[in-house]
């Protein structure tokens, strides 16, 4: 289940309803899918064949199509990252820059853990959303954020897009942002 840490106060918010209520106020969509419907052989596997990726997408097809129809997403894919991913550290450096997009950035975590760092309202500032299997988040267009892995450095996530070429990151220079 997702947990939030507000960076300027170190306050933590946990529990699905509390997380959802906080994120609603920040205009960030949060849902939870049943990660246990994934076959056990894929629940903790982070190096995937094309066939295994297709199986994960097929397993969550009803949820993906429901979310896509509600939010206007036209295409989706699956990303799997772990220490086995070539050039993982270089890839993470690219991810770990505050940026915005001209469409939502969506992740539905099917295995592992990840974290979004998001710029909230002025009274909140930056906050971390720690995600695990079953958590689904959509950061709205133009909202400064970035996504990275947590300490286990393993994740599998469905990504949904409006634009078929995927997200285009627009750097967001913020003198108030500090890595934690």
N, C-alpha and C. Protein backbone atom coordinates (compact mmCIF):
# COMPACT_ATOMS: atom_id res chain seq x y z
N UNK A 1 0.84 -1.17 0.00
CA UNK A 1 0.00 0.00 0.00
C UNK A 1 0.90 1.25 0.00
N UNK A 2 0.49 2.22 -0.77
CA UNK A 2 1.28 3.46 -0.88
C UNK A 2 1.39 4.16 0.47
N UNK A 3 2.50 4.86 0.62
CA UNK A 3 2.72 5.71 1.80
C UNK A 3 3.31 7.03 1.32
N UNK A 4 2.96 8.10 2.00
CA UNK A 4 3.42 9.44 1.62
C UNK A 4 4.31 10.00 2.72
N UNK A 5 5.37 10.69 2.28
CA UNK A 5 6.21 11.44 3.22
C UNK A 5 6.27 12.87 2.72
N UNK A 6 5.81 13.79 3.56
CA UNK A 6 5.90 15.21 3.23
C UNK A 6 7.30 15.66 3.63
N UNK A 7 8.04 16.15 2.65
CA UNK A 7 9.47 16.40 2.85
C UNK A 7 9.76 17.50 3.86
N UNK A 8 9.01 18.60 3.87
CA UNK A 8 9.39 19.71 4.76
C UNK A 8 9.00 19.49 6.22
N UNK A 9 8.16 18.50 6.50
CA UNK A 9 7.77 18.21 7.89
C UNK A 9 8.13 16.79 8.30
N UNK A 10 8.47 15.93 7.34
CA UNK A 10 8.73 14.51 7.55
C UNK A 10 7.49 13.76 8.04
N UNK A 11 6.32 14.37 7.91
CA UNK A 11 5.07 13.71 8.26
C UNK A 11 4.83 12.56 7.30
N UNK A 12 4.30 11.45 7.83
CA UNK A 12 3.97 10.29 7.00
C UNK A 12 2.47 10.08 7.00
N UNK A 13 1.96 9.71 5.84
CA UNK A 13 0.54 9.42 5.67
C UNK A 13 0.44 8.01 5.13
N UNK A 14 -0.31 7.16 5.81
CA UNK A 14 -0.47 5.78 5.37
C UNK A 14 -1.93 5.39 5.43
N UNK A 15 -2.25 4.23 4.92
CA UNK A 15 -3.63 3.77 4.84
C UNK A 15 -4.24 4.24 3.53
N UNK A 16 -4.86 3.32 2.81
CA UNK A 16 -5.35 3.63 1.46
C UNK A 16 -6.25 4.86 1.41
N UNK A 17 -7.20 4.97 2.33
CA UNK A 17 -8.12 6.11 2.29
C UNK A 17 -7.41 7.42 2.60
N UNK A 18 -6.47 7.42 3.55
CA UNK A 18 -5.73 8.63 3.89
C UNK A 18 -4.84 9.07 2.73
N UNK A 19 -4.17 8.10 2.10
CA UNK A 19 -3.31 8.40 0.95
C UNK A 19 -4.15 8.98 -0.17
N UNK A 20 -5.28 8.32 -0.47
CA UNK A 20 -6.14 8.79 -1.55
C UNK A 20 -6.67 10.19 -1.25
N UNK A 21 -7.08 10.45 -0.03
CA UNK A 21 -7.61 11.78 0.32
C UNK A 21 -6.53 12.85 0.16
N UNK A 22 -5.32 12.58 0.61
CA UNK A 22 -4.23 13.54 0.47
C UNK A 22 -3.94 13.79 -1.01
N UNK A 23 -3.80 12.71 -1.79
CA UNK A 23 -3.47 12.87 -3.21
C UNK A 23 -4.60 13.55 -3.98
N UNK A 24 -5.84 13.28 -3.62
CA UNK A 24 -6.96 13.99 -4.25
C UNK A 24 -6.80 15.51 -4.09
N UNK A 25 -6.41 15.94 -2.89
CA UNK A 25 -6.21 17.38 -2.64
C UNK A 25 -5.06 17.94 -3.46
N UNK A 26 -4.13 17.08 -3.85
CA UNK A 26 -2.98 17.50 -4.67
C UNK A 26 -3.24 17.27 -6.17
N UNK A 27 -4.46 16.88 -6.50
CA UNK A 27 -4.89 16.62 -7.88
C UNK A 27 -4.15 15.46 -8.52
N UNK A 28 -3.74 14.49 -7.70
CA UNK A 28 -3.04 13.30 -8.17
C UNK A 28 -3.99 12.11 -8.00
N UNK A 29 -4.22 11.37 -9.09
CA UNK A 29 -5.09 10.20 -9.03
C UNK A 29 -4.36 9.06 -8.34
N UNK A 30 -5.06 8.37 -7.43
CA UNK A 30 -4.51 7.18 -6.79
C UNK A 30 -5.59 6.11 -6.77
N UNK A 31 -5.22 4.90 -7.18
CA UNK A 31 -6.11 3.75 -7.12
C UNK A 31 -5.28 2.55 -6.66
N UNK A 32 -5.98 1.48 -6.37
CA UNK A 32 -5.29 0.25 -5.99
C UNK A 32 -5.89 -0.91 -6.77
N UNK A 33 -5.03 -1.67 -7.43
CA UNK A 33 -5.43 -2.88 -8.14
C UNK A 33 -4.98 -4.09 -7.34
N UNK A 34 -5.61 -5.23 -7.57
CA UNK A 34 -5.26 -6.46 -6.86
C UNK A 34 -4.03 -7.10 -7.50
N UNK A 35 -2.86 -6.85 -6.92
CA UNK A 35 -1.61 -7.39 -7.47
C UNK A 35 -1.53 -8.90 -7.33
N UNK A 36 -2.32 -9.48 -6.43
CA UNK A 36 -2.28 -10.94 -6.21
C UNK A 36 -2.91 -11.72 -7.36
N UNK A 37 -3.60 -11.04 -8.28
CA UNK A 37 -4.16 -11.76 -9.43
C UNK A 37 -3.07 -12.14 -10.44
N UNK A 38 -1.89 -11.54 -10.30
CA UNK A 38 -0.76 -11.88 -11.15
C UNK A 38 -0.27 -13.28 -10.78
N UNK A 39 0.07 -14.14 -11.76
CA UNK A 39 0.59 -15.47 -11.41
C UNK A 39 1.80 -15.35 -10.47
N UNK A 40 1.89 -16.25 -9.52
CA UNK A 40 2.97 -16.21 -8.51
C UNK A 40 4.35 -16.16 -9.17
N UNK A 41 4.50 -16.82 -10.30
CA UNK A 41 5.80 -16.86 -10.97
C UNK A 41 6.24 -15.48 -11.48
N UNK A 42 5.31 -14.54 -11.59
CA UNK A 42 5.63 -13.20 -12.09
C UNK A 42 5.59 -12.12 -11.01
N UNK A 43 5.19 -12.48 -9.79
CA UNK A 43 5.00 -11.47 -8.75
C UNK A 43 6.30 -10.84 -8.28
N UNK A 44 7.40 -11.52 -8.38
CA UNK A 44 8.69 -10.97 -7.97
C UNK A 44 9.75 -11.20 -9.03
N UNK A 45 9.36 -11.16 -10.28
CA UNK A 45 10.29 -11.36 -11.39
C UNK A 45 10.50 -10.01 -12.07
N UNK A 46 11.77 -9.62 -12.24
CA UNK A 46 12.07 -8.27 -12.74
C UNK A 46 12.85 -8.28 -14.05
N UNK A 47 13.21 -9.45 -14.54
CA UNK A 47 13.77 -9.60 -15.88
C UNK A 47 12.77 -10.44 -16.64
N UNK A 48 12.10 -9.81 -17.61
CA UNK A 48 10.95 -10.43 -18.24
C UNK A 48 11.14 -10.61 -19.74
N UNK A 49 10.66 -11.73 -20.24
CA UNK A 49 10.62 -11.95 -21.68
C UNK A 49 9.43 -11.17 -22.26
N UNK A 50 9.40 -11.04 -23.57
CA UNK A 50 8.25 -10.38 -24.21
C UNK A 50 6.96 -11.12 -23.91
N UNK A 51 7.02 -12.44 -23.85
CA UNK A 51 5.83 -13.24 -23.54
C UNK A 51 5.35 -12.98 -22.11
N UNK A 52 6.29 -12.86 -21.17
CA UNK A 52 5.90 -12.57 -19.77
C UNK A 52 5.31 -11.17 -19.65
N UNK A 53 5.88 -10.21 -20.36
CA UNK A 53 5.31 -8.85 -20.36
C UNK A 53 3.88 -8.88 -20.90
N UNK A 54 3.67 -9.62 -21.99
CA UNK A 54 2.33 -9.73 -22.56
C UNK A 54 1.37 -10.40 -21.58
N UNK A 55 1.85 -11.38 -20.82
CA UNK A 55 1.01 -12.05 -19.83
C UNK A 55 0.60 -11.09 -18.72
N UNK A 56 1.52 -10.24 -18.27
CA UNK A 56 1.20 -9.26 -17.23
C UNK A 56 0.16 -8.27 -17.76
N UNK A 57 0.38 -7.77 -18.97
CA UNK A 57 -0.59 -6.82 -19.55
C UNK A 57 -1.96 -7.48 -19.72
N UNK A 58 -1.98 -8.74 -20.13
CA UNK A 58 -3.25 -9.44 -20.29
C UNK A 58 -3.94 -9.65 -18.94
N UNK A 59 -3.16 -9.93 -17.91
CA UNK A 59 -3.73 -10.15 -16.57
C UNK A 59 -4.46 -8.90 -16.09
N UNK A 60 -3.89 -7.74 -16.36
CA UNK A 60 -4.48 -6.48 -15.89
C UNK A 60 -5.28 -5.75 -16.97
N UNK A 61 -5.58 -6.44 -18.07
CA UNK A 61 -6.28 -5.79 -19.18
C UNK A 61 -7.60 -5.12 -18.76
N UNK A 62 -8.45 -5.76 -17.95
CA UNK A 62 -9.69 -5.07 -17.57
C UNK A 62 -9.43 -3.75 -16.83
N UNK A 63 -8.47 -3.75 -15.90
CA UNK A 63 -8.16 -2.54 -15.14
C UNK A 63 -7.54 -1.46 -16.04
N UNK A 64 -6.64 -1.91 -16.94
CA UNK A 64 -5.99 -0.97 -17.85
C UNK A 64 -7.03 -0.32 -18.75
N UNK A 65 -7.90 -1.13 -19.35
CA UNK A 65 -8.91 -0.58 -20.26
C UNK A 65 -9.89 0.32 -19.53
N UNK A 66 -10.23 -0.01 -18.30
CA UNK A 66 -11.12 0.84 -17.51
C UNK A 66 -10.47 2.21 -17.26
N UNK A 67 -9.23 2.19 -16.79
CA UNK A 67 -8.52 3.45 -16.53
C UNK A 67 -8.34 4.24 -17.82
N UNK A 68 -7.97 3.57 -18.90
CA UNK A 68 -7.77 4.24 -20.18
C UNK A 68 -9.06 4.91 -20.66
N UNK A 69 -10.18 4.22 -20.51
CA UNK A 69 -11.43 4.80 -20.99
C UNK A 69 -11.87 5.99 -20.14
N UNK A 70 -11.59 5.94 -18.84
CA UNK A 70 -11.97 7.06 -17.95
C UNK A 70 -11.08 8.28 -18.15
N UNK A 71 -9.80 8.06 -18.52
CA UNK A 71 -8.83 9.16 -18.53
C UNK A 71 -8.30 9.53 -19.92
N UNK A 72 -8.75 8.82 -20.95
CA UNK A 72 -8.37 9.17 -22.31
C UNK A 72 -7.02 8.64 -22.76
N UNK A 73 -6.50 7.61 -22.07
CA UNK A 73 -5.23 7.03 -22.48
C UNK A 73 -5.46 6.13 -23.69
N UNK A 74 -4.53 6.19 -24.64
CA UNK A 74 -4.71 5.49 -25.90
C UNK A 74 -3.79 4.30 -26.08
N UNK A 75 -2.69 4.28 -25.35
CA UNK A 75 -1.71 3.21 -25.51
C UNK A 75 -1.05 2.94 -24.16
N UNK A 76 -0.43 1.77 -24.02
CA UNK A 76 0.25 1.43 -22.77
C UNK A 76 1.34 0.42 -23.07
N UNK A 77 2.25 0.33 -22.11
CA UNK A 77 3.34 -0.63 -22.21
C UNK A 77 3.73 -1.07 -20.81
N UNK A 78 4.77 -1.87 -20.72
CA UNK A 78 5.25 -2.37 -19.44
C UNK A 78 6.74 -2.08 -19.35
N UNK A 79 7.16 -1.56 -18.21
CA UNK A 79 8.58 -1.32 -17.98
C UNK A 79 9.03 -2.19 -16.81
N UNK A 80 10.19 -2.80 -16.95
CA UNK A 80 10.78 -3.61 -15.89
C UNK A 80 12.21 -3.12 -15.68
N UNK A 81 12.51 -2.72 -14.45
CA UNK A 81 13.84 -2.23 -14.11
C UNK A 81 14.39 -2.98 -12.90
N UNK A 82 15.68 -3.30 -12.98
CA UNK A 82 16.37 -3.95 -11.86
C UNK A 82 17.86 -3.78 -12.12
N UNK A 83 18.67 -4.29 -11.21
CA UNK A 83 20.12 -4.22 -11.41
C UNK A 83 20.55 -4.98 -12.66
N UNK A 84 19.69 -5.84 -13.20
CA UNK A 84 19.99 -6.55 -14.45
C UNK A 84 19.75 -5.67 -15.68
N UNK A 85 19.11 -4.51 -15.50
CA UNK A 85 18.84 -3.60 -16.62
C UNK A 85 20.13 -2.93 -17.06
N UNK A 86 20.50 -3.05 -18.33
CA UNK A 86 21.72 -2.39 -18.81
C UNK A 86 21.67 -0.88 -18.56
N UNK A 87 22.77 -0.33 -18.09
CA UNK A 87 22.90 1.11 -17.85
C UNK A 87 21.84 1.66 -16.88
N UNK A 88 21.47 0.88 -15.89
CA UNK A 88 20.43 1.31 -14.96
C UNK A 88 20.78 2.63 -14.28
N UNK A 89 22.01 2.78 -13.80
CA UNK A 89 22.37 4.02 -13.10
C UNK A 89 22.25 5.24 -13.99
N UNK A 90 22.65 5.14 -15.26
CA UNK A 90 22.52 6.26 -16.19
C UNK A 90 21.05 6.57 -16.44
N UNK A 91 20.25 5.53 -16.57
CA UNK A 91 18.82 5.69 -16.78
C UNK A 91 18.17 6.40 -15.59
N UNK A 92 18.55 5.99 -14.37
CA UNK A 92 17.99 6.61 -13.17
C UNK A 92 18.39 8.08 -13.06
N UNK A 93 19.61 8.42 -13.45
CA UNK A 93 20.03 9.83 -13.42
C UNK A 93 19.12 10.67 -14.30
N UNK A 94 18.72 10.12 -15.44
CA UNK A 94 17.80 10.82 -16.34
C UNK A 94 16.42 10.98 -15.69
N UNK A 95 15.96 9.93 -15.02
CA UNK A 95 14.66 9.97 -14.35
C UNK A 95 14.65 10.96 -13.19
N UNK A 96 15.78 11.08 -12.49
CA UNK A 96 15.82 11.79 -11.21
C UNK A 96 16.05 13.29 -11.37
N UNK A 97 15.45 13.87 -12.39
CA UNK A 97 15.47 15.32 -12.59
C UNK A 97 14.02 15.80 -12.56
N UNK A 98 13.76 16.86 -11.79
CA UNK A 98 12.39 17.38 -11.73
C UNK A 98 12.00 17.87 -13.12
N UNK A 99 10.80 17.47 -13.54
CA UNK A 99 10.32 17.83 -14.87
C UNK A 99 8.79 17.83 -14.88
N UNK A 100 8.24 18.25 -16.01
CA UNK A 100 6.80 18.20 -16.22
C UNK A 100 6.56 17.52 -17.58
N UNK A 101 5.30 17.23 -17.85
CA UNK A 101 4.89 16.67 -19.13
C UNK A 101 3.65 17.41 -19.61
N UNK A 102 3.32 17.23 -20.87
CA UNK A 102 2.09 17.80 -21.41
C UNK A 102 0.95 16.78 -21.36
N UNK A 103 1.15 15.69 -20.66
CA UNK A 103 0.10 14.72 -20.38
C UNK A 103 0.41 14.07 -19.03
N UNK A 104 -0.55 13.35 -18.49
CA UNK A 104 -0.36 12.67 -17.21
C UNK A 104 0.79 11.68 -17.31
N UNK A 105 1.48 11.47 -16.17
CA UNK A 105 2.44 10.37 -16.08
C UNK A 105 1.83 9.32 -15.17
N UNK A 106 1.62 8.13 -15.72
CA UNK A 106 0.87 7.08 -15.04
C UNK A 106 1.76 5.87 -14.81
N UNK A 107 1.67 5.32 -13.61
CA UNK A 107 2.33 4.06 -13.29
C UNK A 107 1.35 3.18 -12.52
N UNK A 108 1.22 1.94 -12.96
CA UNK A 108 0.49 0.91 -12.22
C UNK A 108 1.52 -0.15 -11.86
N UNK A 109 1.89 -0.21 -10.59
CA UNK A 109 2.97 -1.08 -10.15
C UNK A 109 2.44 -2.51 -10.04
N UNK A 110 3.11 -3.44 -10.75
CA UNK A 110 2.70 -4.84 -10.67
C UNK A 110 3.67 -5.67 -9.83
N UNK A 111 4.90 -5.17 -9.64
CA UNK A 111 5.89 -5.85 -8.78
C UNK A 111 6.94 -4.84 -8.38
N UNK A 112 7.54 -5.05 -7.21
CA UNK A 112 8.61 -4.17 -6.75
C UNK A 112 8.10 -2.89 -6.12
N UNK A 113 9.00 -1.89 -6.07
CA UNK A 113 8.70 -0.62 -5.42
C UNK A 113 9.28 0.53 -6.23
N UNK A 114 8.60 1.66 -6.17
CA UNK A 114 9.08 2.88 -6.81
C UNK A 114 8.59 4.08 -6.03
N UNK A 115 9.08 5.25 -6.40
CA UNK A 115 8.73 6.44 -5.65
C UNK A 115 8.59 7.63 -6.61
N UNK A 116 7.49 8.34 -6.48
CA UNK A 116 7.31 9.61 -7.16
C UNK A 116 7.62 10.71 -6.16
N UNK A 117 8.39 11.68 -6.58
CA UNK A 117 8.62 12.90 -5.81
C UNK A 117 7.85 13.98 -6.57
N UNK A 118 6.88 14.60 -5.90
CA UNK A 118 5.91 15.49 -6.55
C UNK A 118 5.88 16.82 -5.83
N UNK A 119 5.79 17.91 -6.61
CA UNK A 119 5.62 19.24 -6.03
C UNK A 119 4.14 19.45 -5.75
N UNK A 120 3.82 19.61 -4.47
CA UNK A 120 2.44 19.81 -4.07
C UNK A 120 2.07 21.28 -4.01
N UNK A 121 0.98 21.54 -3.37
CA UNK A 121 0.53 22.91 -3.17
C UNK A 121 1.54 23.67 -2.32
N UNK A 122 1.46 24.99 -2.32
CA UNK A 122 2.44 25.81 -1.60
C UNK A 122 2.53 25.44 -0.12
N UNK A 123 1.41 25.09 0.51
CA UNK A 123 1.42 24.76 1.94
C UNK A 123 2.04 23.40 2.22
N UNK A 124 2.14 22.53 1.20
CA UNK A 124 2.68 21.18 1.37
C UNK A 124 4.12 21.10 0.89
N UNK A 125 4.44 21.68 -0.25
CA UNK A 125 5.77 21.55 -0.84
C UNK A 125 5.93 20.18 -1.47
N UNK A 126 7.17 19.73 -1.61
CA UNK A 126 7.43 18.42 -2.22
C UNK A 126 7.06 17.30 -1.26
N UNK A 127 6.54 16.22 -1.86
CA UNK A 127 6.23 15.02 -1.07
C UNK A 127 6.59 13.79 -1.89
N UNK A 128 6.91 12.71 -1.17
CA UNK A 128 7.25 11.43 -1.77
C UNK A 128 6.03 10.52 -1.70
N UNK A 129 5.76 9.81 -2.79
CA UNK A 129 4.73 8.78 -2.78
C UNK A 129 5.45 7.46 -3.03
N UNK A 130 5.57 6.67 -1.97
CA UNK A 130 6.24 5.37 -2.04
C UNK A 130 5.22 4.34 -2.48
N UNK A 131 5.49 3.69 -3.60
CA UNK A 131 4.53 2.79 -4.23
C UNK A 131 5.03 1.35 -4.21
N UNK A 132 4.08 0.42 -4.17
CA UNK A 132 4.41 -1.00 -4.26
C UNK A 132 3.36 -1.69 -5.10
N UNK A 133 3.51 -2.99 -5.29
CA UNK A 133 2.60 -3.74 -6.16
C UNK A 133 1.14 -3.47 -5.82
N UNK A 134 0.38 -3.14 -6.85
CA UNK A 134 -1.05 -2.85 -6.71
C UNK A 134 -1.35 -1.36 -6.72
N UNK A 135 -0.36 -0.51 -6.43
CA UNK A 135 -0.59 0.93 -6.41
C UNK A 135 -0.60 1.49 -7.83
N UNK A 136 -1.55 2.38 -8.08
CA UNK A 136 -1.69 3.04 -9.37
C UNK A 136 -1.74 4.54 -9.12
N UNK A 137 -0.92 5.30 -9.85
CA UNK A 137 -0.85 6.74 -9.65
C UNK A 137 -0.80 7.43 -11.00
N UNK A 138 -1.43 8.60 -11.07
CA UNK A 138 -1.38 9.43 -12.27
C UNK A 138 -1.06 10.85 -11.84
N UNK A 139 0.15 11.30 -12.19
CA UNK A 139 0.58 12.67 -11.90
C UNK A 139 0.09 13.54 -13.05
N UNK A 140 -0.69 14.59 -12.75
CA UNK A 140 -1.28 15.39 -13.83
C UNK A 140 -0.25 16.13 -14.67
N UNK A 141 -0.65 16.42 -15.90
CA UNK A 141 0.20 17.19 -16.79
C UNK A 141 0.60 18.50 -16.12
N UNK A 142 1.78 18.97 -16.42
CA UNK A 142 2.34 20.24 -15.93
C UNK A 142 2.68 20.25 -14.44
N UNK A 143 2.50 19.14 -13.70
CA UNK A 143 2.84 19.10 -12.28
C UNK A 143 4.29 18.64 -12.14
N UNK A 144 5.18 19.47 -11.54
CA UNK A 144 6.59 19.08 -11.39
C UNK A 144 6.73 17.81 -10.55
N UNK A 145 7.60 16.90 -11.02
CA UNK A 145 7.77 15.61 -10.35
C UNK A 145 8.98 14.90 -10.93
N UNK A 146 9.32 13.78 -10.33
CA UNK A 146 10.15 12.76 -10.97
C UNK A 146 9.88 11.43 -10.32
N UNK A 147 10.30 10.36 -10.99
CA UNK A 147 10.06 9.00 -10.54
C UNK A 147 11.40 8.28 -10.46
N UNK A 148 11.57 7.47 -9.44
CA UNK A 148 12.79 6.68 -9.34
C UNK A 148 12.49 5.38 -8.57
N UNK A 149 13.51 4.58 -8.43
CA UNK A 149 13.38 3.32 -7.71
C UNK A 149 13.65 3.54 -6.22
N UNK A 150 13.20 2.61 -5.42
CA UNK A 150 13.50 2.64 -3.99
C UNK A 150 14.73 1.76 -3.76
N UNK A 151 15.05 1.53 -2.50
CA UNK A 151 16.30 0.86 -2.14
C UNK A 151 16.46 -0.52 -2.76
N UNK A 152 15.38 -1.22 -3.05
CA UNK A 152 15.50 -2.56 -3.64
C UNK A 152 15.84 -2.52 -5.14
N UNK A 153 15.68 -1.34 -5.76
CA UNK A 153 16.03 -1.12 -7.17
C UNK A 153 15.39 -2.14 -8.10
N UNK A 154 14.11 -2.45 -7.85
CA UNK A 154 13.38 -3.40 -8.69
C UNK A 154 11.94 -2.92 -8.84
N UNK A 155 11.47 -2.89 -10.09
CA UNK A 155 10.08 -2.52 -10.32
C UNK A 155 9.61 -3.06 -11.67
N UNK A 156 8.32 -3.38 -11.71
CA UNK A 156 7.62 -3.67 -12.96
C UNK A 156 6.36 -2.81 -12.90
N UNK A 157 6.13 -2.05 -13.97
CA UNK A 157 4.98 -1.13 -13.96
C UNK A 157 4.39 -0.99 -15.35
N UNK A 158 3.06 -0.90 -15.37
CA UNK A 158 2.34 -0.54 -16.59
C UNK A 158 2.38 0.98 -16.69
N UNK A 159 2.68 1.49 -17.90
CA UNK A 159 2.65 2.92 -18.16
C UNK A 159 1.58 3.17 -19.20
N UNK A 160 0.75 4.18 -18.98
CA UNK A 160 -0.31 4.52 -19.93
C UNK A 160 -0.05 5.91 -20.49
N UNK A 161 -0.39 6.09 -21.77
CA UNK A 161 -0.10 7.32 -22.48
C UNK A 161 -1.30 7.81 -23.29
N UNK A 162 -1.35 9.10 -23.48
CA UNK A 162 -2.29 9.69 -24.44
C UNK A 162 -1.59 9.80 -25.80
N UNK A 163 -0.40 10.36 -25.78
CA UNK A 163 0.40 10.49 -27.00
C UNK A 163 1.09 9.16 -27.28
N UNK A 164 1.01 8.68 -28.51
CA UNK A 164 1.56 7.36 -28.81
C UNK A 164 3.08 7.31 -28.72
N UNK A 165 3.75 8.45 -28.80
CA UNK A 165 5.22 8.43 -28.65
C UNK A 165 5.65 8.49 -27.20
N UNK A 166 4.71 8.52 -26.27
CA UNK A 166 5.04 8.54 -24.85
C UNK A 166 5.28 9.94 -24.33
N UNK A 167 5.75 10.00 -23.09
CA UNK A 167 5.95 11.28 -22.44
C UNK A 167 7.18 11.97 -22.98
N UNK A 168 7.10 13.26 -23.03
CA UNK A 168 8.27 14.08 -23.33
C UNK A 168 8.51 14.93 -22.09
N UNK A 169 9.67 14.78 -21.47
CA UNK A 169 9.98 15.51 -20.24
C UNK A 169 10.41 16.93 -20.57
N UNK A 170 9.89 17.88 -19.80
CA UNK A 170 10.27 19.28 -19.89
C UNK A 170 10.92 19.64 -18.56
N UNK A 171 12.24 19.92 -18.55
CA UNK A 171 12.94 20.22 -17.29
C UNK A 171 12.24 21.34 -16.52
N UNK A 172 12.23 21.19 -15.20
CA UNK A 172 11.61 22.17 -14.32
C UNK A 172 12.66 22.58 -13.29
N UNK A 173 13.22 23.76 -13.47
CA UNK A 173 14.24 24.26 -12.54
C UNK A 173 13.53 24.86 -11.32
N UNK A 174 13.79 24.29 -10.16
CA UNK A 174 13.16 24.75 -8.93
C UNK A 174 14.23 24.94 -7.86
N UNK A 175 14.56 26.20 -7.53
CA UNK A 175 15.60 26.44 -6.52
C UNK A 175 15.21 25.92 -5.14
N UNK A 176 13.92 25.65 -4.92
CA UNK A 176 13.47 25.17 -3.61
C UNK A 176 13.54 23.66 -3.46
N UNK A 177 13.82 22.94 -4.58
CA UNK A 177 13.87 21.48 -4.50
C UNK A 177 15.23 21.02 -4.00
N UNK A 178 15.19 20.10 -3.03
CA UNK A 178 16.41 19.52 -2.51
C UNK A 178 16.24 18.01 -2.47
N UNK A 179 17.24 17.29 -2.97
CA UNK A 179 17.20 15.83 -2.88
C UNK A 179 17.20 15.46 -1.41
N UNK A 180 16.45 14.46 -1.07
CA UNK A 180 16.38 14.03 0.34
C UNK A 180 17.30 12.85 0.59
